[in-house]
Amino acid sequence: MLEINQAKQLKELQRENARLKRMLADEMLGKELLKEVLEKKL
């Protein structure tokens, strides 16, 4: 069984991981949108 501190640390890491995944998804979406705009202009 995890100690309380380990459980808190795990939750914190899970939150940070979710935040980073959202940031990555936003970045990837932004690149896709930019690529589409550039393709339409050329």
PDB file of N, CA and C in Angstrom:
ATOM      1  N   MET A   1       0.844  -1.205   0.000  1.00  0.00           N
ATOM      2  CA  MET A   1       0.000   0.000   0.000  1.00  0.00           C
ATOM      3  C   MET A   1       0.878   1.253   0.000  1.00  0.00           C
ATOM      4  N   LEU A   2       0.490   2.237  -0.797  1.00  0.00           N
ATOM      5  CA  LEU A   2       1.269   3.471  -0.884  1.00  0.00           C
ATOM      6  C   LEU A   2       1.123   4.301   0.383  1.00  0.00           C
ATOM      7  N   GLU A   3       2.204   4.903   0.753  1.00  0.00           N
ATOM      8  CA  GLU A   3       2.124   5.851   1.869  1.00  0.00           C
ATOM      9  C   GLU A   3       1.414   7.109   1.375  1.00  0.00           C
ATOM     10  N   ILE A   4       0.920   7.902   2.305  1.00  0.00           N
ATOM     11  CA  ILE A   4       0.167   9.115   1.944  1.00  0.00           C
ATOM     12  C   ILE A   4       0.998  10.039   1.054  1.00  0.00           C
ATOM     13  N   ASN A   5       2.274  10.246   1.413  1.00  0.00           N
ATOM     14  CA  ASN A   5       3.121  11.126   0.599  1.00  0.00           C
ATOM     15  C   ASN A   5       3.289  10.589  -0.815  1.00  0.00           C
ATOM     16  N   GLN A   6       3.444   9.272  -0.939  1.00  0.00           N
ATOM     17  CA  GLN A   6       3.593   8.674  -2.267  1.00  0.00           C
ATOM     18  C   GLN A   6       2.308   8.830  -3.066  1.00  0.00           C
ATOM     19  N   ALA A   7       1.178   8.654  -2.416  1.00  0.00           N
ATOM     20  CA  ALA A   7      -0.103   8.801  -3.102  1.00  0.00           C
ATOM     21  C   ALA A   7      -0.284  10.242  -3.581  1.00  0.00           C
ATOM     22  N   LYS A   8       0.086  11.203  -2.728  1.00  0.00           N
ATOM     23  CA  LYS A   8      -0.020  12.621  -3.113  1.00  0.00           C
ATOM     24  C   LYS A   8       0.909  12.919  -4.282  1.00  0.00           C
ATOM     25  N   GLN A   9       2.119  12.378  -4.226  1.00  0.00           N
ATOM     26  CA  GLN A   9       3.080  12.605  -5.302  1.00  0.00           C
ATOM     27  C   GLN A   9       2.575  11.986  -6.604  1.00  0.00           C
ATOM     28  N   LEU A  10       1.984  10.806  -6.516  1.00  0.00           N
ATOM     29  CA  LEU A  10       1.431  10.155  -7.695  1.00  0.00           C
ATOM     30  C   LEU A  10       0.328  11.006  -8.315  1.00  0.00           C
ATOM     31  N   LYS A  11      -0.579  11.517  -7.485  1.00  0.00           N
ATOM     32  CA  LYS A  11      -1.666  12.376  -7.982  1.00  0.00           C
ATOM     33  C   LYS A  11      -1.099  13.619  -8.666  1.00  0.00           C
ATOM     34  N   GLU A  12      -0.081  14.207  -8.052  1.00  0.00           N
ATOM     35  CA  GLU A  12       0.540  15.405  -8.608  1.00  0.00           C
ATOM     36  C   GLU A  12       1.167  15.097  -9.967  1.00  0.00           C
ATOM     37  N   LEU A  13       1.847  13.958 -10.062  1.00  0.00           N
ATOM     38  CA  LEU A  13       2.461  13.572 -11.334  1.00  0.00           C
ATOM     39  C   LEU A  13       1.408  13.280 -12.394  1.00  0.00           C
ATOM     40  N   GLN A  14       0.299  12.686 -11.986  1.00  0.00           N
ATOM     41  CA  GLN A  14      -0.780  12.410 -12.929  1.00  0.00           C
ATOM     42  C   GLN A  14      -1.393  13.708 -13.452  1.00  0.00           C
ATOM     43  N   ARG A  15      -1.555  14.697 -12.569  1.00  0.00           N
ATOM     44  CA  ARG A  15      -2.082  16.007 -12.997  1.00  0.00           C
ATOM     45  C   ARG A  15      -1.119  16.682 -13.969  1.00  0.00           C
ATOM     46  N   GLU A  16       0.173  16.640 -13.639  1.00  0.00           N
ATOM     47  CA  GLU A  16       1.179  17.252 -14.499  1.00  0.00           C
ATOM     48  C   GLU A  16       1.217  16.546 -15.858  1.00  0.00           C
ATOM     49  N   ASN A  17       1.113  15.238 -15.837  1.00  0.00           N
ATOM     50  CA  ASN A  17       1.109  14.463 -17.079  1.00  0.00           C
ATOM     51  C   ASN A  17      -0.082  14.853 -17.952  1.00  0.00           C
ATOM     52  N   ALA A  18      -1.245  14.988 -17.348  1.00  0.00           N
ATOM     53  CA  ALA A  18      -2.446  15.386 -18.093  1.00  0.00           C
ATOM     54  C   ALA A  18      -2.259  16.785 -18.678  1.00  0.00           C
ATOM     55  N   ARG A  19      -1.662  17.686 -17.895  1.00  0.00           N
ATOM     56  CA  ARG A  19      -1.427  19.059 -18.367  1.00  0.00           C
ATOM     57  C   ARG A  19      -0.473  19.055 -19.568  1.00  0.00           C
ATOM     58  N   LEU A  20       0.587  18.268 -19.479  1.00  0.00           N
ATOM     59  CA  LEU A  20       1.546  18.199 -20.574  1.00  0.00           C
ATOM     60  C   LEU A  20       0.937  17.572 -21.825  1.00  0.00           C
ATOM     61  N   LYS A  21       0.078  16.582 -21.622  1.00  0.00           N
ATOM     62  CA  LYS A  21      -0.596  15.965 -22.771  1.00  0.00           C
ATOM     63  C   LYS A  21      -1.502  16.969 -23.468  1.00  0.00           C
ATOM     64  N   ARG A  22      -2.202  17.799 -22.685  1.00  0.00           N
ATOM     65  CA  ARG A  22      -3.052  18.837 -23.291  1.00  0.00           C
ATOM     66  C   ARG A  22      -2.204  19.845 -24.062  1.00  0.00           C
ATOM     67  N   MET A  23      -1.068  20.229 -23.475  1.00  0.00           N
ATOM     68  CA  MET A  23      -0.183  21.184 -24.148  1.00  0.00           C
ATOM     69  C   MET A  23       0.315  20.602 -25.475  1.00  0.00           C
ATOM     70  N   LEU A  24       0.695  19.339 -25.451  1.00  0.00           N
ATOM     71  CA  LEU A  24       1.182  18.689 -26.666  1.00  0.00           C
ATOM     72  C   LEU A  24       0.083  18.616 -27.719  1.00  0.00           C
ATOM     73  N   ALA A  25      -1.112  18.254 -27.302  1.00  0.00           N
ATOM     74  CA  ALA A  25      -2.239  18.166 -28.238  1.00  0.00           C
ATOM     75  C   ALA A  25      -2.516  19.534 -28.850  1.00  0.00           C
ATOM     76  N   ASP A  26      -2.484  20.588 -28.039  1.00  0.00           N
ATOM     77  CA  ASP A  26      -2.709  21.952 -28.546  1.00  0.00           C
ATOM     78  C   ASP A  26      -1.632  22.332 -29.559  1.00  0.00           C
ATOM     79  N   GLU A  27      -0.386  21.988 -29.247  1.00  0.00           N
ATOM     80  CA  GLU A  27       0.728  22.306 -30.139  1.00  0.00           C
ATOM     81  C   GLU A  27       0.586  21.569 -31.473  1.00  0.00           C
ATOM     82  N   MET A  28       0.219  20.296 -31.401  1.00  0.00           N
ATOM     83  CA  MET A  28       0.051  19.502 -32.617  1.00  0.00           C
ATOM     84  C   MET A  28      -1.102  20.035 -33.463  1.00  0.00           C
ATOM     85  N   LEU A  29      -2.190  20.414 -32.802  1.00  0.00           N
ATOM     86  CA  LEU A  29      -3.342  20.974 -33.510  1.00  0.00           C
ATOM     87  C   LEU A  29      -2.949  22.280 -34.198  1.00  0.00           C
ATOM     88  N   GLY A  30      -2.205  23.109 -33.484  1.00  0.00           N
ATOM     89  CA  GLY A  30      -1.755  24.374 -34.049  1.00  0.00           C
ATOM     90  C   GLY A  30      -0.905  24.162 -35.291  1.00  0.00           C
ATOM     91  N   LYS A  31      -0.029  23.180 -35.252  1.00  0.00           N
ATOM     92  CA  LYS A  31       0.823  22.888 -36.418  1.00  0.00           C
ATOM     93  C   LYS A  31      -0.013  22.391 -37.588  1.00  0.00           C
ATOM     94  N   GLU A  32      -1.008  21.561 -37.302  1.00  0.00           N
ATOM     95  CA  GLU A  32      -1.885  21.055 -38.360  1.00  0.00           C
ATOM     96  C   GLU A  32      -2.657  22.198 -39.008  1.00  0.00           C
ATOM     97  N   LEU A  33      -3.191  23.100 -38.185  1.00  0.00           N
ATOM     98  CA  LEU A  33      -3.939  24.239 -38.719  1.00  0.00           C
ATOM     99  C   LEU A  33      -3.037  25.123 -39.568  1.00  0.00           C
ATOM    100  N   LEU A  34      -1.823  25.367 -39.094  1.00  0.00           N
ATOM    101  CA  LEU A  34      -0.869  26.188 -39.832  1.00  0.00           C
ATOM    102  C   LEU A  34      -0.531  25.538 -41.170  1.00  0.00           C
ATOM    103  N   LYS A  35      -0.334  24.228 -41.147  1.00  0.00           N
ATOM    104  CA  LYS A  35      -0.024  23.507 -42.372  1.00  0.00           C
ATOM    105  C   LYS A  35      -1.164  23.624 -43.378  1.00  0.00           C
ATOM    106  N   GLU A  36      -2.399  23.507 -42.915  1.00  0.00           N
ATOM    107  CA  GLU A  36      -3.561  23.626 -43.792  1.00  0.00           C
ATOM    108  C   GLU A  36      -3.638  25.012 -44.417  1.00  0.00           C
ATOM    109  N   VAL A  37      -3.400  26.034 -43.615  1.00  0.00           N
ATOM    110  CA  VAL A  37      -3.446  27.403 -44.124  1.00  0.00           C
ATOM    111  C   VAL A  37      -2.370  27.608 -45.181  1.00  0.00           C
ATOM    112  N   LEU A  38      -1.177  27.109 -44.892  1.00  0.00           N
ATOM    113  CA  LEU A  38      -0.081  27.284 -45.860  1.00  0.00           C
ATOM    114  C   LEU A  38      -0.350  26.529 -47.161  1.00  0.00           C
ATOM    115  N   GLU A  39      -0.926  25.340 -47.057  1.00  0.00           N
ATOM    116  CA  GLU A  39      -1.220  24.550 -48.269  1.00  0.00           C
ATOM    117  C   GLU A  39      -2.268  25.255 -49.135  1.00  0.00           C
ATOM    118  N   LYS A  40      -3.225  25.910 -48.517  1.00  0.00           N
ATOM    119  CA  LYS A  40      -4.272  26.604 -49.277  1.00  0.00           C
ATOM    120  C   LYS A  40      -3.704  27.833 -50.004  1.00  0.00           C
ATOM    121  N   LYS A  41      -2.689  28.441 -49.407  1.00  0.00           N
ATOM    122  CA  LYS A  41      -2.111  29.651 -50.015  1.00  0.00           C
ATOM    123  C   LYS A  41      -1.196  29.334 -51.181  1.00  0.00           C
ATOM    124  N   LEU A  42      -0.639  28.129 -51.193  1.00  0.00           N
ATOM    125  CA  LEU A  42       0.314  27.794 -52.243  1.00  0.00           C
ATOM    126  C   LEU A  42      -0.347  27.186 -53.462  1.00  0.00           C
TER     127      LEU A  42
END
